[in-house]
Amino acid sequence: MQDDYIPTKTTEGQQEIAQRSRRLSARQRMLLISINGNSSVAELRKQFGSIGDFDELMRNLAELELINLPAAVVVAEIPTPPPPSATAAKSAAPSTPAITPAAAAVVPESPPTGVAAAKQLMNETAFANLGLRAYMFTLKLEHCYTGEELLGLLPDFTRLLTTAKGEPYAIDLHERIEIMIAAEHSSAG
């Protein structure tokens, strides 16, 4: 899997985070939540290095059409057979692996706006800065579906972020998130 590729969530992936309609494993869910359209495969692999089967989890999410990956990544890795003998090599025709339906077209998603963008920013910031505390926070964050629910969780987020990164950083993010949520409410009304 190419380390410089930046995976993105599909619309189905974003819906899965909000609705939990599929039975994803905890590792699949945490990886799906972490895919933000900004982090490369190498960065995600480093973040999830301890899970061991990172590439397989990425391929599974792509096969479920929850994330976008290049077609070459989604195709199951086929073991290379031993080299054929000289006479067999002349008669053997090269074969190409079939591309799965999930790998058909890789269409970049438009960035989320309003509450979705605020939720994504909170999730990404938690993973990048909170260490083990990120896990518990993101579990709470998953259950926030409205701007009011996010605003209710914002004081905890700011407190955790103040401890991890300092008050100026936490306050700046707190204000940005409030503006993102308010922008959606003003455009809806």
C-alpha atoms as a PDB file:
ATOM      1  CA  MET A   1       0.000   0.000   0.000  1.00  0.00           C
ATOM      2  CA  GLN A   2       1.457   3.359  -1.001  1.00  0.00           C
ATOM      3  CA  ASP A   3       2.485   5.353   2.049  1.00  0.00           C
ATOM      4  CA  ASP A   4       1.873   8.735   0.395  1.00  0.00           C
ATOM      5  CA  TYR A   5      -1.745   8.021  -0.559  1.00  0.00           C
ATOM      6  CA  ILE A   6      -4.338   9.981   1.457  1.00  0.00           C
ATOM      7  CA  PRO A   7      -7.529   7.948   1.968  1.00  0.00           C
ATOM      8  CA  THR A   8     -10.896   9.653   2.400  1.00  0.00           C
ATOM      9  CA  LYS A   9     -14.227   8.539   3.820  1.00  0.00           C
ATOM     10  CA  THR A  10     -17.038   7.906   1.372  1.00  0.00           C
ATOM     11  CA  THR A  11     -20.543   9.150   2.052  1.00  0.00           C
ATOM     12  CA  GLU A  12     -21.315   5.640   3.308  1.00  0.00           C
ATOM     13  CA  GLY A  13     -18.296   5.873   5.630  1.00  0.00           C
ATOM     14  CA  GLN A  14     -19.507   9.150   7.105  1.00  0.00           C
ATOM     15  CA  GLN A  15     -22.984   7.670   7.570  1.00  0.00           C
ATOM     16  CA  GLU A  16     -21.511   4.594   9.269  1.00  0.00           C
ATOM     17  CA  ILE A  17     -19.785   6.763  11.858  1.00  0.00           C
ATOM     18  CA  ALA A  18     -23.036   8.511  12.648  1.00  0.00           C
ATOM     19  CA  GLN A  19     -25.448   5.567  12.427  1.00  0.00           C
ATOM     20  CA  ARG A  20     -23.406   2.443  13.310  1.00  0.00           C
ATOM     21  CA  SER A  21     -25.530   0.415  10.897  1.00  0.00           C
ATOM     22  CA  ARG A  22     -22.814  -2.157  10.120  1.00  0.00           C
ATOM     23  CA  ARG A  23     -21.124  -4.425  12.594  1.00  0.00           C
ATOM     24  CA  LEU A  24     -17.567  -3.131  12.344  1.00  0.00           C
ATOM     25  CA  SER A  25     -14.930  -4.376  14.715  1.00  0.00           C
ATOM     26  CA  ALA A  26     -13.573  -1.871  17.222  1.00  0.00           C
ATOM     27  CA  ARG A  27     -10.324  -1.649  15.222  1.00  0.00           C
ATOM     28  CA  GLN A  28     -12.171  -1.058  11.940  1.00  0.00           C
ATOM     29  CA  ARG A  29     -14.301   1.626  13.569  1.00  0.00           C
ATOM     30  CA  MET A  30     -11.345   3.441  15.144  1.00  0.00           C
ATOM     31  CA  LEU A  31      -9.472   3.384  11.829  1.00  0.00           C
ATOM     32  CA  LEU A  32     -12.542   4.632   9.936  1.00  0.00           C
ATOM     33  CA  ILE A  33     -12.976   7.479  12.416  1.00  0.00           C
ATOM     34  CA  SER A  34      -9.307   8.415  12.010  1.00  0.00           C
ATOM     35  CA  ILE A  35      -9.433   8.674   8.213  1.00  0.00           C
ATOM     36  CA  ASN A  36      -9.836  12.386   7.687  1.00  0.00           C
ATOM     37  CA  GLY A  37      -8.667  13.199   4.161  1.00  0.00           C
ATOM     38  CA  ASN A  38      -5.534  14.851   5.537  1.00  0.00           C
ATOM     39  CA  SER A  39      -3.503  11.960   6.952  1.00  0.00           C
ATOM     40  CA  SER A  40      -1.477   9.768   4.614  1.00  0.00           C
ATOM     41  CA  VAL A  41      -1.370   5.985   4.794  1.00  0.00           C
ATOM     42  CA  ALA A  42       2.085   6.294   6.389  1.00  0.00           C
ATOM     43  CA  GLU A  43       0.742   8.588   9.135  1.00  0.00           C
ATOM     44  CA  LEU A  44      -2.223   6.304   9.795  1.00  0.00           C
ATOM     45  CA  ARG A  45       0.037   3.242   9.827  1.00  0.00           C
ATOM     46  CA  LYS A  46       2.254   4.957  12.415  1.00  0.00           C
ATOM     47  CA  GLN A  47      -0.790   5.901  14.519  1.00  0.00           C
ATOM     48  CA  PHE A  48      -2.182   2.357  14.336  1.00  0.00           C
ATOM     49  CA  GLY A  49       1.140   0.489  14.287  1.00  0.00           C
ATOM     50  CA  SER A  50       0.220  -1.616  17.276  1.00  0.00           C
ATOM     51  CA  ILE A  51      -2.805  -3.253  15.620  1.00  0.00           C
ATOM     52  CA  GLY A  52      -0.645  -5.357  13.308  1.00  0.00           C
ATOM     53  CA  ASP A  53      -3.035  -5.914  10.395  1.00  0.00           C
ATOM     54  CA  PHE A  54      -3.362  -2.295   9.289  1.00  0.00           C
ATOM     55  CA  ASP A  55      -3.223  -2.992   5.524  1.00  0.00           C
ATOM     56  CA  GLU A  56      -5.906  -5.666   5.794  1.00  0.00           C
ATOM     57  CA  LEU A  57      -8.177  -3.336   7.793  1.00  0.00           C
ATOM     58  CA  MET A  58      -7.714  -0.607   5.165  1.00  0.00           C
ATOM     59  CA  ARG A  59      -8.604  -3.037   2.365  1.00  0.00           C
ATOM     60  CA  ASN A  60     -11.668  -4.232   4.319  1.00  0.00           C
ATOM     61  CA  LEU A  61     -12.933  -0.678   4.753  1.00  0.00           C
ATOM     62  CA  ALA A  62     -12.425  -0.042   1.030  1.00  0.00           C
ATOM     63  CA  GLU A  63     -14.219  -3.274   0.084  1.00  0.00           C
ATOM     64  CA  LEU A  64     -17.142  -2.188   2.277  1.00  0.00           C
ATOM     65  CA  GLU A  65     -17.066   1.111   0.322  1.00  0.00           C
ATOM     66  CA  LEU A  66     -16.516   3.128   3.508  1.00  0.00           C
ATOM     67  CA  ILE A  67     -13.240   4.697   2.299  1.00  0.00           C
ATOM     68  CA  ASN A  68     -11.673   5.556  -1.043  1.00  0.00           C
ATOM     69  CA  LEU A  69      -8.419   3.858  -1.996  1.00  0.00           C
ATOM     70  CA  PRO A  70      -6.747   3.454  -5.385  1.00  0.00           C
ATOM     71  CA  ALA A  71      -7.871   0.318  -7.228  1.00  0.00           C
ATOM     72  CA  ALA A  72      -4.412  -1.247  -6.932  1.00  0.00           C
ATOM     73  CA  VAL A  73      -4.631  -1.118  -3.149  1.00  0.00           C
ATOM     74  CA  VAL A  74      -8.056  -2.741  -2.893  1.00  0.00           C
ATOM     75  CA  VAL A  75      -7.190  -5.703  -5.111  1.00  0.00           C
ATOM     76  CA  ALA A  76      -6.217  -8.571  -2.874  1.00  0.00           C
ATOM     77  CA  GLU A  77      -2.529  -9.231  -2.930  1.00  0.00           C
ATOM     78  CA  ILE A  78      -1.984 -12.337  -4.974  1.00  0.00           C
ATOM     79  CA  PRO A  79       1.046 -14.392  -3.969  1.00  0.00           C
ATOM     80  CA  THR A  80       3.699 -14.503  -6.659  1.00  0.00           C
ATOM     81  CA  PRO A  81       4.134 -18.025  -7.995  1.00  0.00           C
ATOM     82  CA  PRO A  82       7.619 -19.431  -8.413  1.00  0.00           C
ATOM     83  CA  PRO A  83       9.205 -18.570 -11.777  1.00  0.00           C
ATOM     84  CA  PRO A  84       8.137 -21.026 -14.486  1.00  0.00           C
ATOM     85  CA  SER A  85      10.619 -23.140 -16.361  1.00  0.00           C
ATOM     86  CA  ALA A  86      11.905 -21.819 -19.710  1.00  0.00           C
ATOM     87  CA  THR A  87       9.500 -23.953 -21.788  1.00  0.00           C
ATOM     88  CA  ALA A  88       6.494 -23.137 -19.614  1.00  0.00           C
ATOM     89  CA  ALA A  89       7.341 -19.420 -19.728  1.00  0.00           C
ATOM     90  CA  LYS A  90       6.920 -19.356 -23.528  1.00  0.00           C
ATOM     91  CA  SER A  91       3.392 -20.757 -23.374  1.00  0.00           C
ATOM     92  CA  ALA A  92       2.211 -18.909 -20.271  1.00  0.00           C
ATOM     93  CA  ALA A  93       0.170 -15.788 -20.884  1.00  0.00           C
ATOM     94  CA  PRO A  94       0.412 -12.982 -18.332  1.00  0.00           C
ATOM     95  CA  SER A  95      -2.662 -12.597 -16.163  1.00  0.00           C
ATOM     96  CA  THR A  96      -3.979  -9.466 -14.514  1.00  0.00           C
ATOM     97  CA  PRO A  97      -5.895  -9.424 -11.234  1.00  0.00           C
ATOM     98  CA  ALA A  98      -9.570  -8.480 -11.383  1.00  0.00           C
ATOM     99  CA  ILE A  99     -10.561  -5.160  -9.862  1.00  0.00           C
ATOM    100  CA  THR A 100     -13.257  -5.341  -7.217  1.00  0.00           C
ATOM    101  CA  PRO A 101     -16.423  -3.257  -7.677  1.00  0.00           C
ATOM    102  CA  ALA A 102     -15.459  -1.158  -4.649  1.00  0.00           C
ATOM    103  CA  ALA A 103     -12.366  -0.010  -6.491  1.00  0.00           C
ATOM    104  CA  ALA A 104     -14.103   1.203  -9.619  1.00  0.00           C
ATOM    105  CA  ALA A 105     -13.890   4.985  -9.389  1.00  0.00           C
ATOM    106  CA  VAL A 106     -12.092   6.958  -6.731  1.00  0.00           C
ATOM    107  CA  VAL A 107     -14.031  10.195  -6.406  1.00  0.00           C
ATOM    108  CA  PRO A 108     -12.779  12.689  -3.838  1.00  0.00           C
ATOM    109  CA  GLU A 109     -15.381  13.653  -1.270  1.00  0.00           C
ATOM    110  CA  SER A 110     -16.228  17.289  -0.754  1.00  0.00           C
ATOM    111  CA  PRO A 111     -15.139  18.494   2.682  1.00  0.00           C
ATOM    112  CA  PRO A 112     -17.850  18.393   5.342  1.00  0.00           C
ATOM    113  CA  THR A 113     -19.347  21.644   6.567  1.00  0.00           C
ATOM    114  CA  GLY A 114     -20.878  22.921   9.796  1.00  0.00           C
ATOM    115  CA  VAL A 115     -21.540  20.337  12.503  1.00  0.00           C
ATOM    116  CA  ALA A 116     -19.912  17.524  10.479  1.00  0.00           C
ATOM    117  CA  ALA A 117     -16.763  19.603  10.000  1.00  0.00           C
ATOM    118  CA  ALA A 118     -16.686  20.552  13.678  1.00  0.00           C
ATOM    119  CA  LYS A 119     -17.085  16.916  14.705  1.00  0.00           C
ATOM    120  CA  GLN A 120     -14.331  15.854  12.305  1.00  0.00           C
ATOM    121  CA  LEU A 121     -11.997  18.582  13.589  1.00  0.00           C
ATOM    122  CA  MET A 122     -12.621  17.517  17.183  1.00  0.00           C
ATOM    123  CA  ASN A 123     -11.969  13.868  16.277  1.00  0.00           C
ATOM    124  CA  GLU A 124      -8.754  14.603  14.373  1.00  0.00           C
ATOM    125  CA  THR A 125      -7.459  16.912  17.081  1.00  0.00           C
ATOM    126  CA  ALA A 126      -8.213  14.353  19.786  1.00  0.00           C
ATOM    127  CA  PHE A 127      -6.286  11.623  17.959  1.00  0.00           C
ATOM    128  CA  ALA A 128      -3.368  13.911  17.228  1.00  0.00           C
ATOM    129  CA  ASN A 129      -3.022  15.358  20.725  1.00  0.00           C
ATOM    130  CA  LEU A 130      -4.747  13.391  23.469  1.00  0.00           C
ATOM    131  CA  GLY A 131      -2.980  10.043  23.402  1.00  0.00           C
ATOM    132  CA  LEU A 132      -4.920   7.335  25.232  1.00  0.00           C
ATOM    133  CA  ARG A 133      -7.515   9.859  26.389  1.00  0.00           C
ATOM    134  CA  ALA A 134      -8.550  10.225  22.729  1.00  0.00           C
ATOM    135  CA  TYR A 135     -10.221   6.817  22.747  1.00  0.00           C
ATOM    136  CA  MET A 136     -12.696   7.626  25.513  1.00  0.00           C
ATOM    137  CA  PHE A 137     -13.362  11.081  24.125  1.00  0.00           C
ATOM    138  CA  THR A 138     -14.057   9.800  20.595  1.00  0.00           C
ATOM    139  CA  LEU A 139     -16.512   7.264  21.982  1.00  0.00           C
ATOM    140  CA  LYS A 140     -18.475  10.171  23.458  1.00  0.00           C
ATOM    141  CA  LEU A 141     -18.023  12.167  20.251  1.00  0.00           C
ATOM    142  CA  GLU A 142     -19.515   9.367  18.150  1.00  0.00           C
ATOM    143  CA  HIS A 143     -22.827   9.821  19.951  1.00  0.00           C
ATOM    144  CA  CYS A 144     -23.067  13.534  19.127  1.00  0.00           C
ATOM    145  CA  TYR A 145     -25.324  14.159  16.140  1.00  0.00           C
ATOM    146  CA  THR A 146     -26.360  17.796  16.534  1.00  0.00           C
ATOM    147  CA  GLY A 147     -24.620  21.087  17.099  1.00  0.00           C
ATOM    148  CA  GLU A 148     -26.106  21.298  20.582  1.00  0.00           C
ATOM    149  CA  GLU A 149     -24.685  17.899  21.509  1.00  0.00           C
ATOM    150  CA  LEU A 150     -21.247  18.931  20.224  1.00  0.00           C
ATOM    151  CA  LEU A 151     -21.438  22.181  22.181  1.00  0.00           C
ATOM    152  CA  GLY A 152     -22.270  20.118  25.277  1.00  0.00           C
ATOM    153  CA  LEU A 153     -19.106  18.051  24.787  1.00  0.00           C
ATOM    154  CA  LEU A 154     -16.943  21.077  23.941  1.00  0.00           C
ATOM    155  CA  PRO A 155     -16.027  21.994  27.573  1.00  0.00           C
ATOM    156  CA  ASP A 156     -14.622  18.471  28.164  1.00  0.00           C
ATOM    157  CA  PHE A 157     -12.741  18.668  24.874  1.00  0.00           C
ATOM    158  CA  THR A 158     -11.289  22.068  25.776  1.00  0.00           C
ATOM    159  CA  ARG A 159     -10.265  20.860  29.237  1.00  0.00           C
ATOM    160  CA  LEU A 160      -8.476  17.784  27.830  1.00  0.00           C
ATOM    161  CA  LEU A 161      -6.821  19.850  25.118  1.00  0.00           C
ATOM    162  CA  THR A 162      -5.690  22.491  27.623  1.00  0.00           C
ATOM    163  CA  THR A 163      -3.936  19.771  29.616  1.00  0.00           C
ATOM    164  CA  ALA A 164      -2.294  18.307  26.507  1.00  0.00           C
ATOM    165  CA  LYS A 165      -1.430  21.404  24.438  1.00  0.00           C
ATOM    166  CA  GLY A 166      -1.913  24.483  26.584  1.00  0.00           C
ATOM    167  CA  GLU A 167      -4.650  27.029  27.072  1.00  0.00           C
ATOM    168  CA  PRO A 168      -4.069  29.253  23.981  1.00  0.00           C
ATOM    169  CA  TYR A 169      -4.277  26.250  21.622  1.00  0.00           C
ATOM    170  CA  ALA A 170      -7.373  24.884  23.362  1.00  0.00           C
ATOM    171  CA  ILE A 171      -9.179  28.220  23.397  1.00  0.00           C
ATOM    172  CA  ASP A 172      -8.414  28.837  19.709  1.00  0.00           C
ATOM    173  CA  LEU A 173      -9.880  25.456  18.756  1.00  0.00           C
ATOM    174  CA  HIS A 174     -12.856  25.952  21.077  1.00  0.00           C
ATOM    175  CA  GLU A 175     -13.681  29.236  19.319  1.00  0.00           C
ATOM    176  CA  ARG A 176     -13.203  27.741  15.826  1.00  0.00           C
ATOM    177  CA  ILE A 177     -15.578  24.890  16.639  1.00  0.00           C
ATOM    178  CA  GLU A 178     -18.212  27.259  18.025  1.00  0.00           C
ATOM    179  CA  ILE A 179     -17.975  29.336  14.816  1.00  0.00           C
ATOM    180  CA  MET A 180     -18.300  26.218  12.628  1.00  0.00           C
ATOM    181  CA  ILE A 181     -21.426  25.096  14.479  1.00  0.00           C
ATOM    182  CA  ALA A 182     -22.940  28.610  14.521  1.00  0.00           C
ATOM    183  CA  ALA A 183     -22.309  28.975  10.765  1.00  0.00           C
ATOM    184  CA  GLU A 184     -24.446  25.915  10.032  1.00  0.00           C
ATOM    185  CA  HIS A 185     -27.246  27.106  12.310  1.00  0.00           C
ATOM    186  CA  SER A 186     -27.277  30.569  10.695  1.00  0.00           C
ATOM    187  CA  SER A 187     -27.335  29.110   7.155  1.00  0.00           C
ATOM    188  CA  ALA A 188     -30.146  26.680   8.074  1.00  0.00           C
ATOM    189  CA  GLY A 189     -32.327  29.396   9.586  1.00  0.00           C
END
